[in-house]
């Protein structure tokens, strides 16, 4: 009886997996035909570029700046683990027999244990980072607006190297990792 139920459950699982892999019919493999677009070539025979990300900025390269990491020495409390040993009495009970012949034997043992906690013991010095390393690029005419000049953006090291390799007032387009510098 149990073997038949197991066999039927296994066959059902295989059937469901097969239908799921096929996409459940419809002939499109689970893809909505209305959502499919033709990305073919334009009249010149080139594949059109994807539209830029809304976070992408463009403008004329003004200058570049690399700010090295700035550190300082600082002190903080030095914490050490301090343990204290102690003992406690543990009560043990053993019952034997039944009815009126029931006896109870009780004895005590000494158990050793430790209690540990972190306590402050002096101070220690460490290197604290005041300012992380940053790579920056300044743009003029940001997004085609002539009033937006000398706007600084934080960029990746690769974008910084690319900006250093281009001429001043060359058109650049990139996605900044932050603003200001």
C-alpha atoms as a PDB file:
ATOM      1  CA  UNK A   1       0.000   0.000   0.000  1.00  0.00           C
ATOM      2  CA  UNK A   2       2.763   2.447   1.007  1.00  0.00           C
ATOM      3  CA  UNK A   3       4.857   1.422  -2.025  1.00  0.00           C
ATOM      4  CA  UNK A   4       2.033   2.360  -4.437  1.00  0.00           C
ATOM      5  CA  UNK A   5       1.621   5.806  -2.851  1.00  0.00           C
ATOM      6  CA  UNK A   6       5.361   6.392  -3.085  1.00  0.00           C
ATOM      7  CA  UNK A   7       5.357   5.343  -6.742  1.00  0.00           C
ATOM      8  CA  UNK A   8       2.406   7.651  -7.568  1.00  0.00           C
ATOM      9  CA  UNK A   9       4.047  10.580  -5.740  1.00  0.00           C
ATOM     10  CA  UNK A  10       7.314  10.058  -7.657  1.00  0.00           C
ATOM     11  CA  UNK A  11       5.530   9.892 -11.010  1.00  0.00           C
ATOM     12  CA  UNK A  12       3.615  13.078 -10.187  1.00  0.00           C
ATOM     13  CA  UNK A  13       6.828  14.890  -9.275  1.00  0.00           C
ATOM     14  CA  UNK A  14       8.485  13.848 -12.562  1.00  0.00           C
ATOM     15  CA  UNK A  15       5.414  14.988 -14.541  1.00  0.00           C
ATOM     16  CA  UNK A  16       5.337  18.404 -12.818  1.00  0.00           C
ATOM     17  CA  UNK A  17       9.071  18.898 -13.387  1.00  0.00           C
ATOM     18  CA  UNK A  18       8.683  18.002 -17.069  1.00  0.00           C
ATOM     19  CA  UNK A  19       5.831  20.452 -17.585  1.00  0.00           C
ATOM     20  CA  UNK A  20       7.737  23.192 -15.757  1.00  0.00           C
ATOM     21  CA  UNK A  21      10.770  22.697 -17.993  1.00  0.00           C
ATOM     22  CA  UNK A  22       8.653  22.937 -21.118  1.00  0.00           C
ATOM     23  CA  UNK A  23       7.157  26.258 -20.040  1.00  0.00           C
ATOM     24  CA  UNK A  24       3.631  24.974 -19.690  1.00  0.00           C
ATOM     25  CA  UNK A  25       2.753  25.265 -23.386  1.00  0.00           C
ATOM     26  CA  UNK A  26       1.990  28.361 -25.422  1.00  0.00           C
ATOM     27  CA  UNK A  27       5.042  27.908 -27.663  1.00  0.00           C
ATOM     28  CA  UNK A  28       6.906  31.004 -26.416  1.00  0.00           C
ATOM     29  CA  UNK A  29       8.884  29.284 -23.668  1.00  0.00           C
ATOM     30  CA  UNK A  30       7.330  31.413 -20.929  1.00  0.00           C
ATOM     31  CA  UNK A  31       8.305  34.718 -22.571  1.00  0.00           C
ATOM     32  CA  UNK A  32       5.626  37.311 -23.255  1.00  0.00           C
ATOM     33  CA  UNK A  33       5.704  37.934 -27.051  1.00  0.00           C
ATOM     34  CA  UNK A  34       4.666  41.568 -26.504  1.00  0.00           C
ATOM     35  CA  UNK A  35       7.735  42.155 -24.346  1.00  0.00           C
ATOM     36  CA  UNK A  36      10.180  41.010 -27.036  1.00  0.00           C
ATOM     37  CA  UNK A  37      11.731  43.884 -29.008  1.00  0.00           C
ATOM     38  CA  UNK A  38      13.836  43.829 -32.142  1.00  0.00           C
ATOM     39  CA  UNK A  39      17.338  45.095 -31.354  1.00  0.00           C
ATOM     40  CA  UNK A  40      18.615  44.628 -34.889  1.00  0.00           C
ATOM     41  CA  UNK A  41      20.851  46.963 -36.834  1.00  0.00           C
ATOM     42  CA  UNK A  42      20.043  50.484 -37.943  1.00  0.00           C
ATOM     43  CA  UNK A  43      20.293  51.704 -41.546  1.00  0.00           C
ATOM     44  CA  UNK A  44      24.071  52.223 -41.298  1.00  0.00           C
ATOM     45  CA  UNK A  45      24.583  48.585 -40.274  1.00  0.00           C
ATOM     46  CA  UNK A  46      25.645  49.301 -36.670  1.00  0.00           C
ATOM     47  CA  UNK A  47      23.986  48.125 -33.509  1.00  0.00           C
ATOM     48  CA  UNK A  48      22.482  51.115 -31.645  1.00  0.00           C
ATOM     49  CA  UNK A  49      23.881  51.942 -28.173  1.00  0.00           C
ATOM     50  CA  UNK A  50      21.803  51.376 -25.070  1.00  0.00           C
ATOM     51  CA  UNK A  51      20.423  54.559 -23.539  1.00  0.00           C
ATOM     52  CA  UNK A  52      22.686  56.000 -20.797  1.00  0.00           C
ATOM     53  CA  UNK A  53      21.933  55.306 -17.156  1.00  0.00           C
ATOM     54  CA  UNK A  54      20.065  58.101 -15.331  1.00  0.00           C
ATOM     55  CA  UNK A  55      23.051  58.304 -12.948  1.00  0.00           C
ATOM     56  CA  UNK A  56      25.496  58.945 -15.803  1.00  0.00           C
ATOM     57  CA  UNK A  57      26.905  62.460 -16.127  1.00  0.00           C
ATOM     58  CA  UNK A  58      28.619  64.017 -19.110  1.00  0.00           C
ATOM     59  CA  UNK A  59      30.586  67.151 -19.673  1.00  0.00           C
ATOM     60  CA  UNK A  60      33.941  68.621 -20.593  1.00  0.00           C
ATOM     61  CA  UNK A  61      36.917  67.424 -18.568  1.00  0.00           C
ATOM     62  CA  UNK A  62      38.311  70.251 -16.485  1.00  0.00           C
ATOM     63  CA  UNK A  63      40.828  68.762 -14.048  1.00  0.00           C
ATOM     64  CA  UNK A  64      41.583  65.625 -12.042  1.00  0.00           C
ATOM     65  CA  UNK A  65      42.623  65.175  -8.420  1.00  0.00           C
ATOM     66  CA  UNK A  66      43.833  62.234  -6.346  1.00  0.00           C
ATOM     67  CA  UNK A  67      43.473  62.540  -2.578  1.00  0.00           C
ATOM     68  CA  UNK A  68      45.650  60.088  -0.696  1.00  0.00           C
ATOM     69  CA  UNK A  69      44.390  58.334   2.402  1.00  0.00           C
ATOM     70  CA  UNK A  70      44.929  60.456   5.502  1.00  0.00           C
ATOM     71  CA  UNK A  71      45.653  58.708   8.798  1.00  0.00           C
ATOM     72  CA  UNK A  72      46.576  59.652  12.331  1.00  0.00           C
ATOM     73  CA  UNK A  73      47.697  57.867  15.474  1.00  0.00           C
ATOM     74  CA  UNK A  74      45.017  57.490  18.119  1.00  0.00           C
ATOM     75  CA  UNK A  75      44.570  55.695  21.434  1.00  0.00           C
ATOM     76  CA  UNK A  76      41.764  53.516  22.692  1.00  0.00           C
ATOM     77  CA  UNK A  77      41.179  51.463  25.825  1.00  0.00           C
ATOM     78  CA  UNK A  78      43.000  48.136  25.852  1.00  0.00           C
ATOM     79  CA  UNK A  79      40.597  45.355  26.835  1.00  0.00           C
ATOM     80  CA  UNK A  80      41.837  42.058  28.220  1.00  0.00           C
ATOM     81  CA  UNK A  81      39.962  38.912  29.178  1.00  0.00           C
ATOM     82  CA  UNK A  82      40.031  38.346  32.921  1.00  0.00           C
ATOM     83  CA  UNK A  83      38.754  35.115  34.424  1.00  0.00           C
ATOM     84  CA  UNK A  84      38.044  34.264  38.025  1.00  0.00           C
ATOM     85  CA  UNK A  85      37.776  30.717  39.341  1.00  0.00           C
ATOM     86  CA  UNK A  86      35.096  29.747  41.820  1.00  0.00           C
ATOM     87  CA  UNK A  87      33.361  26.677  43.221  1.00  0.00           C
ATOM     88  CA  UNK A  88      29.778  25.828  44.029  1.00  0.00           C
ATOM     89  CA  UNK A  89      28.045  22.989  45.838  1.00  0.00           C
ATOM     90  CA  UNK A  90      25.877  20.799  43.605  1.00  0.00           C
ATOM     91  CA  UNK A  91      23.137  18.664  45.194  1.00  0.00           C
ATOM     92  CA  UNK A  92      22.540  15.161  43.827  1.00  0.00           C
ATOM     93  CA  UNK A  93      19.564  12.942  44.706  1.00  0.00           C
ATOM     94  CA  UNK A  94      19.009   9.254  44.018  1.00  0.00           C
ATOM     95  CA  UNK A  95      15.751   7.421  44.755  1.00  0.00           C
ATOM     96  CA  UNK A  96      15.483   3.658  44.959  1.00  0.00           C
ATOM     97  CA  UNK A  97      12.678   1.242  45.792  1.00  0.00           C
ATOM     98  CA  UNK A  98       8.905   1.590  45.625  1.00  0.00           C
ATOM     99  CA  UNK A  99       6.072   2.178  48.040  1.00  0.00           C
ATOM    100  CA  UNK A 100       7.033   2.034  51.732  1.00  0.00           C
ATOM    101  CA  UNK A 101      10.501   0.706  50.861  1.00  0.00           C
ATOM    102  CA  UNK A 102      11.429   3.864  48.935  1.00  0.00           C
ATOM    103  CA  UNK A 103      14.684   5.459  50.037  1.00  0.00           C
ATOM    104  CA  UNK A 104      16.285   8.708  49.017  1.00  0.00           C
ATOM    105  CA  UNK A 105      20.006   9.288  49.097  1.00  0.00           C
ATOM    106  CA  UNK A 106      21.381  12.821  48.827  1.00  0.00           C
ATOM    107  CA  UNK A 107      25.002  13.862  48.434  1.00  0.00           C
ATOM    108  CA  UNK A 108      26.876  17.012  47.457  1.00  0.00           C
ATOM    109  CA  UNK A 109      29.839  17.569  45.188  1.00  0.00           C
ATOM    110  CA  UNK A 110      32.003  20.603  44.590  1.00  0.00           C
ATOM    111  CA  UNK A 111      31.960  21.899  41.027  1.00  0.00           C
ATOM    112  CA  UNK A 112      34.636  24.262  39.725  1.00  0.00           C
ATOM    113  CA  UNK A 113      33.803  26.926  37.130  1.00  0.00           C
ATOM    114  CA  UNK A 114      35.205  30.152  35.681  1.00  0.00           C
ATOM    115  CA  UNK A 115      33.571  33.521  35.095  1.00  0.00           C
ATOM    116  CA  UNK A 116      35.267  35.590  32.374  1.00  0.00           C
ATOM    117  CA  UNK A 117      34.745  39.206  31.334  1.00  0.00           C
ATOM    118  CA  UNK A 118      36.679  41.865  29.438  1.00  0.00           C
ATOM    119  CA  UNK A 119      38.199  44.566  31.587  1.00  0.00           C
ATOM    120  CA  UNK A 120      40.121  47.697  30.696  1.00  0.00           C
ATOM    121  CA  UNK A 121      43.851  47.449  31.259  1.00  0.00           C
ATOM    122  CA  UNK A 122      45.613  50.593  30.026  1.00  0.00           C
ATOM    123  CA  UNK A 123      45.438  51.983  26.481  1.00  0.00           C
ATOM    124  CA  UNK A 124      46.691  50.974  23.055  1.00  0.00           C
ATOM    125  CA  UNK A 125      47.621  53.035  19.988  1.00  0.00           C
ATOM    126  CA  UNK A 126      46.311  52.328  16.497  1.00  0.00           C
ATOM    127  CA  UNK A 127      46.191  53.977  13.069  1.00  0.00           C
ATOM    128  CA  UNK A 128      42.862  55.715  12.510  1.00  0.00           C
ATOM    129  CA  UNK A 129      41.749  56.667   8.980  1.00  0.00           C
ATOM    130  CA  UNK A 130      40.698  60.318   8.899  1.00  0.00           C
ATOM    131  CA  UNK A 131      39.967  60.421   5.151  1.00  0.00           C
ATOM    132  CA  UNK A 132      39.764  57.479   2.754  1.00  0.00           C
ATOM    133  CA  UNK A 133      41.573  57.529  -0.585  1.00  0.00           C
ATOM    134  CA  UNK A 134      39.576  59.271  -3.336  1.00  0.00           C
ATOM    135  CA  UNK A 135      39.870  59.821  -7.086  1.00  0.00           C
ATOM    136  CA  UNK A 136      38.084  62.903  -8.425  1.00  0.00           C
ATOM    137  CA  UNK A 137      37.270  64.466 -11.797  1.00  0.00           C
ATOM    138  CA  UNK A 138      35.972  68.001 -12.374  1.00  0.00           C
ATOM    139  CA  UNK A 139      33.613  68.668 -15.305  1.00  0.00           C
ATOM    140  CA  UNK A 140      32.452  71.829 -17.070  1.00  0.00           C
ATOM    141  CA  UNK A 141      29.099  72.132 -18.915  1.00  0.00           C
ATOM    142  CA  UNK A 142      27.652  69.231 -16.926  1.00  0.00           C
ATOM    143  CA  UNK A 143      24.875  67.537 -18.943  1.00  0.00           C
ATOM    144  CA  UNK A 144      25.017  70.386 -21.490  1.00  0.00           C
ATOM    145  CA  UNK A 145      24.283  73.175 -18.971  1.00  0.00           C
ATOM    146  CA  UNK A 146      26.894  75.943 -19.444  1.00  0.00           C
ATOM    147  CA  UNK A 147      26.117  77.299 -15.948  1.00  0.00           C
ATOM    148  CA  UNK A 148      27.315  74.064 -14.313  1.00  0.00           C
ATOM    149  CA  UNK A 149      31.096  74.487 -14.294  1.00  0.00           C
ATOM    150  CA  UNK A 150      33.775  73.110 -11.975  1.00  0.00           C
ATOM    151  CA  UNK A 151      31.572  70.323 -10.585  1.00  0.00           C
ATOM    152  CA  UNK A 152      33.623  67.672  -8.784  1.00  0.00           C
ATOM    153  CA  UNK A 153      32.709  63.976  -8.861  1.00  0.00           C
ATOM    154  CA  UNK A 154      34.271  61.010  -7.074  1.00  0.00           C
ATOM    155  CA  UNK A 155      35.063  58.259  -9.580  1.00  0.00           C
ATOM    156  CA  UNK A 156      36.614  54.812  -9.728  1.00  0.00           C
ATOM    157  CA  UNK A 157      40.381  54.485 -10.271  1.00  0.00           C
ATOM    158  CA  UNK A 158      39.736  53.244 -13.827  1.00  0.00           C
ATOM    159  CA  UNK A 159      37.676  56.339 -14.704  1.00  0.00           C
ATOM    160  CA  UNK A 160      40.345  58.543 -13.088  1.00  0.00           C
ATOM    161  CA  UNK A 161      43.060  56.944 -15.244  1.00  0.00           C
ATOM    162  CA  UNK A 162      40.895  57.416 -18.328  1.00  0.00           C
ATOM    163  CA  UNK A 163      40.386  61.106 -17.454  1.00  0.00           C
ATOM    164  CA  UNK A 164      44.131  61.616 -16.916  1.00  0.00           C
ATOM    165  CA  UNK A 165      44.766  60.165 -20.385  1.00  0.00           C
ATOM    166  CA  UNK A 166      42.396  62.582 -22.146  1.00  0.00           C
ATOM    167  CA  UNK A 167      43.011  66.201 -23.089  1.00  0.00           C
ATOM    168  CA  UNK A 168      41.554  69.085 -21.121  1.00  0.00           C
ATOM    169  CA  UNK A 169      38.034  70.036 -22.317  1.00  0.00           C
ATOM    170  CA  UNK A 170      37.553  66.608 -23.923  1.00  0.00           C
ATOM    171  CA  UNK A 171      34.005  65.236 -23.680  1.00  0.00           C
ATOM    172  CA  UNK A 172      33.629  62.616 -20.960  1.00  0.00           C
ATOM    173  CA  UNK A 173      30.720  60.477 -19.838  1.00  0.00           C
ATOM    174  CA  UNK A 174      30.804  58.299 -16.707  1.00  0.00           C
ATOM    175  CA  UNK A 175      28.816  57.168 -13.698  1.00  0.00           C
ATOM    176  CA  UNK A 176      30.228  58.842 -10.560  1.00  0.00           C
ATOM    177  CA  UNK A 177      30.578  56.987  -7.274  1.00  0.00           C
ATOM    178  CA  UNK A 178      29.908  60.180  -5.303  1.00  0.00           C
ATOM    179  CA  UNK A 179      29.731  63.964  -5.527  1.00  0.00           C
ATOM    180  CA  UNK A 180      32.145  66.530  -4.214  1.00  0.00           C
ATOM    181  CA  UNK A 181      35.818  66.049  -3.563  1.00  0.00           C
END
